[in-house]
Amino acid sequence: MRPISNYTIPGEAEYILLKSGLVAVRGSAVEPTQDLIALFWGAPVPPMAELEPVLIQVAEVTAYGLGGAMNVSKLRSQAMEAVRLLGITHTHGALSELFMRVRAGAEAAAEDIRNQPPIGAL
């Protein structure tokens, strides 16, 4: 697992996941939210040790894709396959919902970064 502090630092993939509302930090642990659990449609939810690296991969691919300067289709396909192996599929639109939520989190994280004061302006 990555350091819990990454979930509080704009610019980190973990921060994107937090902004997406799919995970929550509770004390010194990161847990899936009900929104993420719902994407499994009653199937067992893997432990965070398995979820976190795949969700981070999705966040990184999504963030790279927002810029538009890099073709991320191969990376996106790999991330989608990893998510499917965890149990989130196209059934009920869950896979699309996951990527839409992470994209919204990435956009919110980018806005947070844009709103930070310039370095040295403090």
Protein backbone atom coordinates (compact mmCIF):
# COMPACT_ATOMS: atom_id res chain seq x y z
CA MET A 1 0.00 0.00 0.00
CA ARG A 2 1.16 3.53 -0.71
CA PRO A 3 1.60 6.11 2.04
CA ILE A 4 -1.69 7.37 3.44
CA SER A 5 -0.41 10.94 3.04
CA ASN A 6 -0.60 10.57 -0.76
CA TYR A 7 -4.38 10.81 -0.44
CA THR A 8 -4.03 14.41 0.78
CA ILE A 9 -1.54 15.70 -1.80
CA PRO A 10 -2.92 17.27 -5.00
CA GLY A 11 -1.08 15.77 -7.96
CA GLU A 12 -1.02 12.22 -6.62
CA ALA A 13 -3.16 9.46 -8.16
CA GLU A 14 -4.47 8.64 -4.70
CA TYR A 15 -5.76 12.21 -4.34
CA ILE A 16 -7.74 11.71 -7.56
CA LEU A 17 -9.33 8.59 -6.07
CA LEU A 18 -10.28 10.48 -2.93
CA LYS A 19 -11.80 13.31 -5.00
CA SER A 20 -13.74 10.75 -7.04
CA GLY A 21 -15.57 9.60 -3.92
CA LEU A 22 -14.63 5.96 -4.52
CA VAL A 23 -12.35 5.70 -1.49
CA ALA A 24 -12.25 7.35 1.91
CA VAL A 25 -9.48 7.81 4.45
CA ARG A 26 -10.52 6.70 7.91
CA GLY A 27 -7.78 7.20 10.48
CA SER A 28 -4.74 5.43 9.07
CA ALA A 29 -6.66 3.27 6.59
CA VAL A 30 -8.09 3.73 3.13
CA GLU A 31 -11.45 2.07 2.57
CA PRO A 32 -13.78 1.67 -0.39
CA THR A 33 -16.87 3.87 -0.17
CA GLN A 34 -20.40 2.61 -0.74
CA ASP A 35 -20.16 4.10 -4.24
CA LEU A 36 -17.23 1.81 -5.08
CA ILE A 37 -18.80 -1.20 -3.37
CA ALA A 38 -21.97 -0.67 -5.43
CA LEU A 39 -19.97 -1.11 -8.65
CA PHE A 40 -19.43 -4.77 -7.70
CA TRP A 41 -23.22 -5.41 -7.78
CA GLY A 42 -23.25 -7.73 -4.77
CA ALA A 43 -20.11 -9.63 -5.71
CA PRO A 44 -17.35 -9.84 -3.10
CA VAL A 45 -15.25 -6.67 -2.95
CA PRO A 46 -11.52 -7.41 -3.03
CA PRO A 47 -9.40 -6.08 -0.15
CA MET A 48 -7.83 -2.63 -0.56
CA ALA A 49 -4.42 -4.26 -1.00
CA GLU A 50 -5.75 -5.61 -4.31
CA LEU A 51 -8.01 -2.68 -5.20
CA GLU A 52 -5.57 0.16 -4.59
CA PRO A 53 -2.95 -0.61 -7.29
CA VAL A 54 -5.64 -1.11 -9.94
CA LEU A 55 -7.53 2.04 -8.95
CA ILE A 56 -4.26 3.99 -9.01
CA GLN A 57 -3.60 2.63 -12.51
CA VAL A 58 -7.06 3.83 -13.59
CA ALA A 59 -6.43 7.27 -12.04
CA GLU A 60 -3.05 7.61 -13.74
CA VAL A 61 -4.42 6.62 -17.16
CA THR A 62 -7.36 8.97 -16.74
CA ALA A 63 -5.15 11.88 -15.68
CA TYR A 64 -2.77 11.30 -18.59
CA GLY A 65 -5.70 11.15 -20.99
CA LEU A 66 -7.11 14.50 -19.84
CA GLY A 67 -4.19 16.38 -21.37
CA GLY A 68 -4.82 14.91 -24.80
CA ALA A 69 -1.15 15.03 -25.76
CA MET A 70 -0.58 11.34 -25.15
CA ASN A 71 -2.38 8.35 -26.66
CA VAL A 72 -3.38 6.26 -23.66
CA SER A 73 -5.60 3.71 -25.43
CA LYS A 74 -3.24 0.78 -24.75
CA LEU A 75 -2.79 1.84 -21.11
CA ARG A 76 -6.55 2.29 -20.77
CA SER A 77 -7.19 -1.20 -22.17
CA GLN A 78 -4.73 -2.67 -19.68
CA ALA A 79 -6.39 -0.80 -16.82
CA MET A 80 -9.84 -1.92 -17.96
CA GLU A 81 -8.72 -5.55 -18.03
CA ALA A 82 -7.25 -5.24 -14.53
CA VAL A 83 -10.53 -3.76 -13.28
CA ARG A 84 -12.51 -6.57 -14.94
CA LEU A 85 -10.32 -9.15 -13.20
CA LEU A 86 -11.25 -7.55 -9.87
CA GLY A 87 -14.93 -8.02 -10.69
CA ILE A 88 -16.13 -4.68 -12.07
CA THR A 89 -17.51 -5.32 -15.55
CA HIS A 90 -19.68 -3.68 -18.19
CA THR A 91 -22.65 -5.36 -16.52
CA HIS A 92 -25.03 -2.61 -15.40
CA GLY A 93 -22.56 -0.03 -16.78
CA ALA A 94 -20.27 -0.42 -13.75
CA LEU A 95 -17.00 -0.24 -15.70
CA SER A 96 -18.05 2.96 -17.47
CA GLU A 97 -19.28 4.41 -14.17
CA LEU A 98 -15.90 3.71 -12.55
CA PHE A 99 -14.01 5.53 -15.30
CA MET A 100 -16.48 8.44 -15.28
CA ARG A 101 -16.12 8.81 -11.51
CA VAL A 102 -12.32 8.74 -11.69
CA ARG A 103 -12.36 11.28 -14.54
CA ALA A 104 -14.51 13.60 -12.43
CA GLY A 105 -12.05 13.12 -9.56
CA ALA A 106 -9.13 13.93 -11.88
CA GLU A 107 -10.86 17.10 -13.07
CA ALA A 108 -11.56 18.15 -9.47
CA ALA A 109 -7.95 17.43 -8.50
CA ALA A 110 -6.69 19.49 -11.45
CA GLU A 111 -8.92 22.36 -10.34
CA ASP A 112 -7.47 22.13 -6.82
CA ILE A 113 -3.96 22.36 -8.27
CA ARG A 114 -4.90 25.36 -10.44
CA ASN A 115 -6.30 27.09 -7.34
CA GLN A 116 -3.13 26.67 -5.31
CA PRO A 117 -1.02 29.80 -4.93
CA PRO A 118 2.11 29.87 -7.10
CA ILE A 119 5.25 28.55 -5.46
CA GLY A 120 6.97 31.38 -3.67
CA ALA A 121 3.78 33.44 -3.43
CA LEU A 122 3.10 32.46 0.15
